[in-house]
Amino acid sequence: MAFVAKIKLVVLSVIALSVASIIIHLSFAKFWAVNIGQYRALPTLSQDFPFILGRPGVKNKKLWGSVKSLEELQPYAKARSNYSVPQEQSNGFIYAKVFGGFSKTRSSICDLVAISRLLNATLVIPEIQESTRSKGISLKFKSFSYVYNEDEFIAYLKNDIIIAKTLPESLMERRKRNEFPTFKPKSSASPDFYINEILPKLKKSKVIGLIIVNGGALQSILPPSMAEIQRLRCRVAFHALQFRPEIQILGRQMVNKLRALGQPFLAFHPGLLRDTLAYTGCAELFQDVHTELIQHRRAQMIKEGLLSEELNVDSHLQRDKGLCPLMPEEVGILLRVMGYPPKTIIYLAGSEIFGGQRILIPLRAMFTNTVDRTSLCSEKELSDLVGPETPLPQNIFRQPPSKSEKELKEEWMQAGPRPRPLPPPPDRPIYQHEKEGWYGWITETPTEPDPSPMDLRIQAHRLLWDALDYIVSLEADAFFPGFNNDNSGWPDFSSLVMGHRLYETASFRTYRPDRKVVVELFNLTRENLYHPKHNWTTLVQEHLNKSLSEEGLIRQSLLSKPATFLSHPLPECSCRIPSADVASNRVRGKDGRFLYGDEDQCPKWIQAGSLAKEGVKSEDDAQPDYESNDFVNESESDKDGAKTNQTSLWDQQDEEMDPND
């Protein structure tokens, strides 16, 4: 009996412990459910800001306020004196094929208009190859009209050039027979090249063709005597190139959804594109197969003559030089250091993010309200924007021919030292996804296959997604680039957005970080990345705040404008309102051109409109543009006297700048 009693006691004890364990686990589950729930971006945004939704338009001026020193800059791209309307009798027609994505296409069209004005030629609506190469896209649109509004484009530029929708039928037949000369100009082609080389052939044949592949066909910086050509570029990019109505409506709806939350938002473009990563040699910043994909593309660029460097480069050395992008995790840390709270709304721009969603995990963990176009638009809205498309034929999967064990071993030995995906075990069947896309060719062949019909269609869709992101990025209260000035010489999305924001609203917060300086700062605190010291956060805040103002603009003029004029349309396309509060400095570069401060004085009608918009000065104006935050782990030694040599980071005088008052 005593033995049975002991067994019952043990059983009761086990049952009691089990019940207690279940209660404890349920309590923990309830506790963690609250924390997990906040990662759902859009459904809970209204709950995240209950204290502010009743007061729409309220902003923290230290994080979202305008840059006072740039408020005197106003958009003014209208033609000045001695600018004639186009002659009715032109020298001939120019038709063009434009290759590349959204950024290259937009920049190339602006150059085409400037060239047509320079040669007094009639421009045929450019053909955007990214949409024409895709078979079966919606018949509602054709080439240019897939993204932009043709009628608006023609009407706005009627006083600048003559534009035709197509060549006359007689000339179209001759074009099909390749009877007209065709040229492939460089993006750095000078005006003299067109006047001396192209114009005589245009007058002789009456039609010429241009093939533009590098995102431009005319050099970015022109002599002062051609300032009207630069202003024409601005009128094309910032006024004439309007998206088709469906894109504008959906883009405006996206902005309205963000504004309806009652909070300002920041737009961030990572700039992680495979082409630019391959060009700059940043493969080692990624892992396994992504490194392999970048190296494949870099080898292809070397073979095509686009790149004259070695295939294998030290990515970490490139990063230290500022030639690699700021990773999303690093941008998240910078924003937290600046004082942006975890519930800040961040719009993630970019139709292509190389590395996928995995690389965005740290950013989304730091800022749980990170959204993109798929968060703001339904699948139906996006499909309606694309329009009805012809279904692509199904790709019937066929089992690859079997290989002997000897052949497999030889292939593995010849694969090289770089990490490659392991082949599936021999006893397991090969699934379809293992032989499609990048996985299929990277493990089987040394060369990348031609784009499939689906790849071409995805490239066409990216034009639309980038257009939506462009609209939202322009309207954002702040913009942060991940990879502008990538040293490739090609136009990039971030630079175009920054140039457009500088033109329309120069005082809006647009960060222009120096990646080389930022990398030096990160190298100082790699071991305490998420618990930086107070003096380190001060350095970051000072650098990013300086990048918002004249110092950032001067650096942008030195680095970005020589590659793409639209990234920095100053001083040609802006004017300045005289201000007694802000003294404007005129800064000239070593080549003699003005980097900052040489804008014309605004006409009286612009000055009157600006004065009407002026509000009462904020009581926070005297405070710094950042807040203290819980991201910083201050120690007493840092507060008492820890010092860091700031001079080595950004207080050095730029040798190319020569301030002239």
Foldseek 3Di string as FASTA:
>chain_A
DVVVVVVVVVVVVVVVVVVVVVVVVVVVVVVVVVVVVLLPFPVCLLVVPVPQLVPFPDADCLAQNFAVQQLQWAFFLDDDPPQFFQDPDFLAEEEEEFEDAQQLVLLAVLQVLLLCLLLSYEYAPYFDVLVVVQPWFAPVDGGLLLWFDPVLLQVLCNRRHHYDPDDPPVVVVVVVVVVAEEDEADQDDESCCCVVPVNVSCNVVRYYYYYYYFSHRHFQDDDPVVLNSLSSSVCCNQPRGHTPPLLVVLLVLLLVSVSSSSYFAEEEEQQADLLLCLQLVQLVVDDAVSSVSSLQNVVVCVVVVLHVDDSHDDNVVSLLVLLDWDQLLLVLLLVVLQADQLQHAYEYADLDHRPPCVSCVNNCVSRSNYYYSPSSDPPVSLDVSRPDTDDDDDDDDDADDDDDPVVVVVLVVPLDDGHHDDDDDPVDDDDPVCCDDPNNDSSPHSHDDDDDSVRSVSSSSRNSRNSSSLSNNLVGSEYEYGCPLNVSLGGDSLLLSQLNNCNHPLRRHYWQARSSLSVVLCVVQVVPSQAAEPQSSVLSNVRRVCCSDPNVQLVCLVRPSSSGVSSRVPPSRIAGEDDPVHDFWWKAFPVGHTSGDPHHHDDPVVVVVSVVPDDDDDPCPVPNSGDDDPSYNYDPVRVPDDDDPSCVRPVDDDPGIDIDD
